[in-house]
Amino acid sequence: MDKATLARIKQQLEAERATVEQRLADQGATVEGDQIDMPQGGFADSAQVTAERSELLSLVEGLQQTHAEIVAALGRIADGTYGRCARCGKEISPERLEARPRATLCVSCKQNAA
């Protein structure tokens, strides 16, 4: 992968990380480095509060997963392993990485994993 493409992907990942961190903060989570803390709150006193809390936790868990994938991709860029399939070790196509910068598997391995 050429340096310009890698720089563009890195910039896209950093922007996505900032967006995810803002969304987490909007939900009351605290982001420090790779750690995300969500206040636990007290016991729910109604079914509606419990349902709302469950929805919030589901949203935050999804954002945490996305954040972890972004941080891992940025780490792979930093250590020079970005763009290699985690399963077979072959190069992931630049088109796949541009479409899904957090990808860890090449198309072939991803299809076989499904």
C-alpha atoms as a PDB file:
ATOM      1  CA  MET A   1       0.000   0.000   0.000  1.00  0.00           C
ATOM      2  CA  ASP A   2       1.358   3.398  -0.907  1.00  0.00           C
ATOM      3  CA  LYS A   3       2.081   6.017   1.753  1.00  0.00           C
ATOM      4  CA  ALA A   4      -0.639   8.416   0.562  1.00  0.00           C
ATOM      5  CA  THR A   5      -3.336   5.738   0.869  1.00  0.00           C
ATOM      6  CA  LEU A   6      -2.064   4.698   4.294  1.00  0.00           C
ATOM      7  CA  ALA A   7      -2.019   8.330   5.461  1.00  0.00           C
ATOM      8  CA  ARG A   8      -5.590   8.814   4.211  1.00  0.00           C
ATOM      9  CA  ILE A   9      -6.770   5.664   6.007  1.00  0.00           C
ATOM     10  CA  LYS A  10      -4.995   6.718   9.211  1.00  0.00           C
ATOM     11  CA  GLN A  11      -6.670  10.113   9.059  1.00  0.00           C
ATOM     12  CA  GLN A  12     -10.049   8.438   8.489  1.00  0.00           C
ATOM     13  CA  LEU A  13      -9.492   6.139  11.491  1.00  0.00           C
ATOM     14  CA  GLU A  14      -8.471   9.048  13.721  1.00  0.00           C
ATOM     15  CA  ALA A  15     -11.589  10.998  12.700  1.00  0.00           C
ATOM     16  CA  GLU A  16     -13.759   7.953  13.342  1.00  0.00           C
ATOM     17  CA  ARG A  17     -12.122   7.465  16.752  1.00  0.00           C
ATOM     18  CA  ALA A  18     -12.891  11.077  17.682  1.00  0.00           C
ATOM     19  CA  THR A  19     -16.524  10.620  16.616  1.00  0.00           C
ATOM     20  CA  VAL A  20     -16.895   7.400  18.608  1.00  0.00           C
ATOM     21  CA  GLU A  21     -15.270   8.980  21.670  1.00  0.00           C
ATOM     22  CA  GLN A  22     -17.679  11.924  21.426  1.00  0.00           C
ATOM     23  CA  ARG A  23     -20.654   9.571  21.147  1.00  0.00           C
ATOM     24  CA  LEU A  24     -19.411   7.652  24.191  1.00  0.00           C
ATOM     25  CA  ALA A  25     -19.001  10.899  26.128  1.00  0.00           C
ATOM     26  CA  ASP A  26     -22.535  11.903  25.104  1.00  0.00           C
ATOM     27  CA  GLN A  27     -23.739   8.684  26.766  1.00  0.00           C
ATOM     28  CA  GLY A  28     -21.843   9.427  29.977  1.00  0.00           C
ATOM     29  CA  ALA A  29     -18.846   7.203  29.335  1.00  0.00           C
ATOM     30  CA  THR A  30     -15.321   8.331  30.115  1.00  0.00           C
ATOM     31  CA  VAL A  31     -12.611   7.549  27.560  1.00  0.00           C
ATOM     32  CA  GLU A  32      -8.989   7.571  28.675  1.00  0.00           C
ATOM     33  CA  GLY A  33      -6.560   6.036  26.204  1.00  0.00           C
ATOM     34  CA  ASP A  34      -7.806   2.534  25.469  1.00  0.00           C
ATOM     35  CA  GLN A  35      -9.998   2.407  28.599  1.00  0.00           C
ATOM     36  CA  ILE A  36     -13.697   3.221  28.580  1.00  0.00           C
ATOM     37  CA  ASP A  37     -15.595   3.552  31.843  1.00  0.00           C
ATOM     38  CA  MET A  38     -19.352   3.730  32.094  1.00  0.00           C
ATOM     39  CA  PRO A  39     -20.979   4.864  35.349  1.00  0.00           C
ATOM     40  CA  GLN A  40     -23.036   2.030  36.844  1.00  0.00           C
ATOM     41  CA  GLY A  41     -25.755   4.063  38.540  1.00  0.00           C
ATOM     42  CA  GLY A  42     -28.187   2.759  41.118  1.00  0.00           C
ATOM     43  CA  PHE A  43     -30.778   0.025  40.940  1.00  0.00           C
ATOM     44  CA  ALA A  44     -33.616   0.637  38.517  1.00  0.00           C
ATOM     45  CA  ASP A  45     -37.006   1.247  40.087  1.00  0.00           C
ATOM     46  CA  SER A  46     -39.153   0.562  37.048  1.00  0.00           C
ATOM     47  CA  ALA A  47     -39.314  -1.650  34.006  1.00  0.00           C
ATOM     48  CA  GLN A  48     -38.984   1.391  31.725  1.00  0.00           C
ATOM     49  CA  VAL A  49     -35.795   2.549  33.422  1.00  0.00           C
ATOM     50  CA  THR A  50     -34.416  -0.985  33.171  1.00  0.00           C
ATOM     51  CA  ALA A  51     -35.268  -1.155  29.458  1.00  0.00           C
ATOM     52  CA  GLU A  52     -33.703   2.265  28.799  1.00  0.00           C
ATOM     53  CA  ARG A  53     -30.565   1.259  30.710  1.00  0.00           C
ATOM     54  CA  SER A  54     -30.358  -1.958  28.681  1.00  0.00           C
ATOM     55  CA  GLU A  55     -30.599  -0.010  25.408  1.00  0.00           C
ATOM     56  CA  LEU A  56     -27.932   2.423  26.585  1.00  0.00           C
ATOM     57  CA  LEU A  57     -25.595  -0.393  27.591  1.00  0.00           C
ATOM     58  CA  SER A  58     -26.111  -2.086  24.234  1.00  0.00           C
ATOM     59  CA  LEU A  59     -25.275   1.152  22.411  1.00  0.00           C
ATOM     60  CA  VAL A  60     -22.200   1.745  24.582  1.00  0.00           C
ATOM     61  CA  GLU A  61     -20.992  -1.848  24.092  1.00  0.00           C
ATOM     62  CA  GLY A  62     -21.213  -1.398  20.313  1.00  0.00           C
ATOM     63  CA  LEU A  63     -19.303   1.879  20.524  1.00  0.00           C
ATOM     64  CA  GLN A  64     -16.691   0.246  22.778  1.00  0.00           C
ATOM     65  CA  GLN A  65     -16.196  -2.547  20.233  1.00  0.00           C
ATOM     66  CA  THR A  66     -15.832  -0.034  17.407  1.00  0.00           C
ATOM     67  CA  HIS A  67     -13.385   2.005  19.500  1.00  0.00           C
ATOM     68  CA  ALA A  68     -11.291  -1.101  20.238  1.00  0.00           C
ATOM     69  CA  GLU A  69     -11.172  -1.983  16.528  1.00  0.00           C
ATOM     70  CA  ILE A  70     -10.079   1.555  15.622  1.00  0.00           C
ATOM     71  CA  VAL A  71      -7.379   1.636  18.306  1.00  0.00           C
ATOM     72  CA  ALA A  72      -6.129  -1.778  17.152  1.00  0.00           C
ATOM     73  CA  ALA A  73      -6.006  -0.641  13.505  1.00  0.00           C
ATOM     74  CA  LEU A  74      -4.080   2.491  14.467  1.00  0.00           C
ATOM     75  CA  GLY A  75      -1.713   0.289  16.474  1.00  0.00           C
ATOM     76  CA  ARG A  76      -1.130  -1.921  13.428  1.00  0.00           C
ATOM     77  CA  ILE A  77      -0.369   1.190  11.373  1.00  0.00           C
ATOM     78  CA  ALA A  78       2.113   2.323  14.025  1.00  0.00           C
ATOM     79  CA  ASP A  79       3.904  -1.023  14.216  1.00  0.00           C
ATOM     80  CA  GLY A  80       3.919  -1.636  10.462  1.00  0.00           C
ATOM     81  CA  THR A  81       1.599  -4.655  10.380  1.00  0.00           C
ATOM     82  CA  TYR A  82      -1.447  -2.848   8.995  1.00  0.00           C
ATOM     83  CA  GLY A  83      -2.872  -4.380   5.836  1.00  0.00           C
ATOM     84  CA  ARG A  84      -1.874  -7.978   6.590  1.00  0.00           C
ATOM     85  CA  CYS A  85      -4.543 -10.629   7.111  1.00  0.00           C
ATOM     86  CA  ALA A  86      -4.614 -11.843  10.715  1.00  0.00           C
ATOM     87  CA  ARG A  87      -5.430 -15.372   9.547  1.00  0.00           C
ATOM     88  CA  CYS A  88      -3.373 -16.114   6.418  1.00  0.00           C
ATOM     89  CA  GLY A  89      -0.805 -13.288   6.559  1.00  0.00           C
ATOM     90  CA  LYS A  90      -1.423 -12.180   2.980  1.00  0.00           C
ATOM     91  CA  GLU A  91      -1.901  -8.549   2.054  1.00  0.00           C
ATOM     92  CA  ILE A  92      -5.451  -7.224   2.409  1.00  0.00           C
ATOM     93  CA  SER A  93      -6.440  -5.400  -0.760  1.00  0.00           C
ATOM     94  CA  PRO A  94      -6.203  -1.598  -0.540  1.00  0.00           C
ATOM     95  CA  GLU A  95      -9.793  -1.386  -1.836  1.00  0.00           C
ATOM     96  CA  ARG A  96     -11.030  -3.443   1.133  1.00  0.00           C
ATOM     97  CA  LEU A  97      -9.025  -1.353   3.582  1.00  0.00           C
ATOM     98  CA  GLU A  98     -10.326   1.878   2.108  1.00  0.00           C
ATOM     99  CA  ALA A  99     -13.894   0.577   2.367  1.00  0.00           C
ATOM    100  CA  ARG A 100     -13.377  -0.969   5.825  1.00  0.00           C
ATOM    101  CA  PRO A 101     -10.235   0.448   7.436  1.00  0.00           C
ATOM    102  CA  ARG A 102     -10.690  -1.673  10.583  1.00  0.00           C
ATOM    103  CA  ALA A 103     -10.589  -4.937   8.607  1.00  0.00           C
ATOM    104  CA  THR A 104      -8.306  -7.621   9.994  1.00  0.00           C
ATOM    105  CA  LEU A 105      -9.058 -10.326   7.435  1.00  0.00           C
ATOM    106  CA  CYS A 106      -8.667 -10.491   3.675  1.00  0.00           C
ATOM    107  CA  VAL A 107     -11.842 -11.085   1.655  1.00  0.00           C
ATOM    108  CA  SER A 108     -11.106 -14.803   1.238  1.00  0.00           C
ATOM    109  CA  CYS A 109     -10.563 -15.419   4.959  1.00  0.00           C
ATOM    110  CA  LYS A 110     -13.602 -13.300   5.862  1.00  0.00           C
ATOM    111  CA  GLN A 111     -15.796 -15.317   3.498  1.00  0.00           C
ATOM    112  CA  ASN A 112     -14.481 -18.576   4.958  1.00  0.00           C
ATOM    113  CA  ALA A 113     -15.114 -17.304   8.507  1.00  0.00           C
ATOM    114  CA  ALA A 114     -18.782 -16.588   7.802  1.00  0.00           C
END
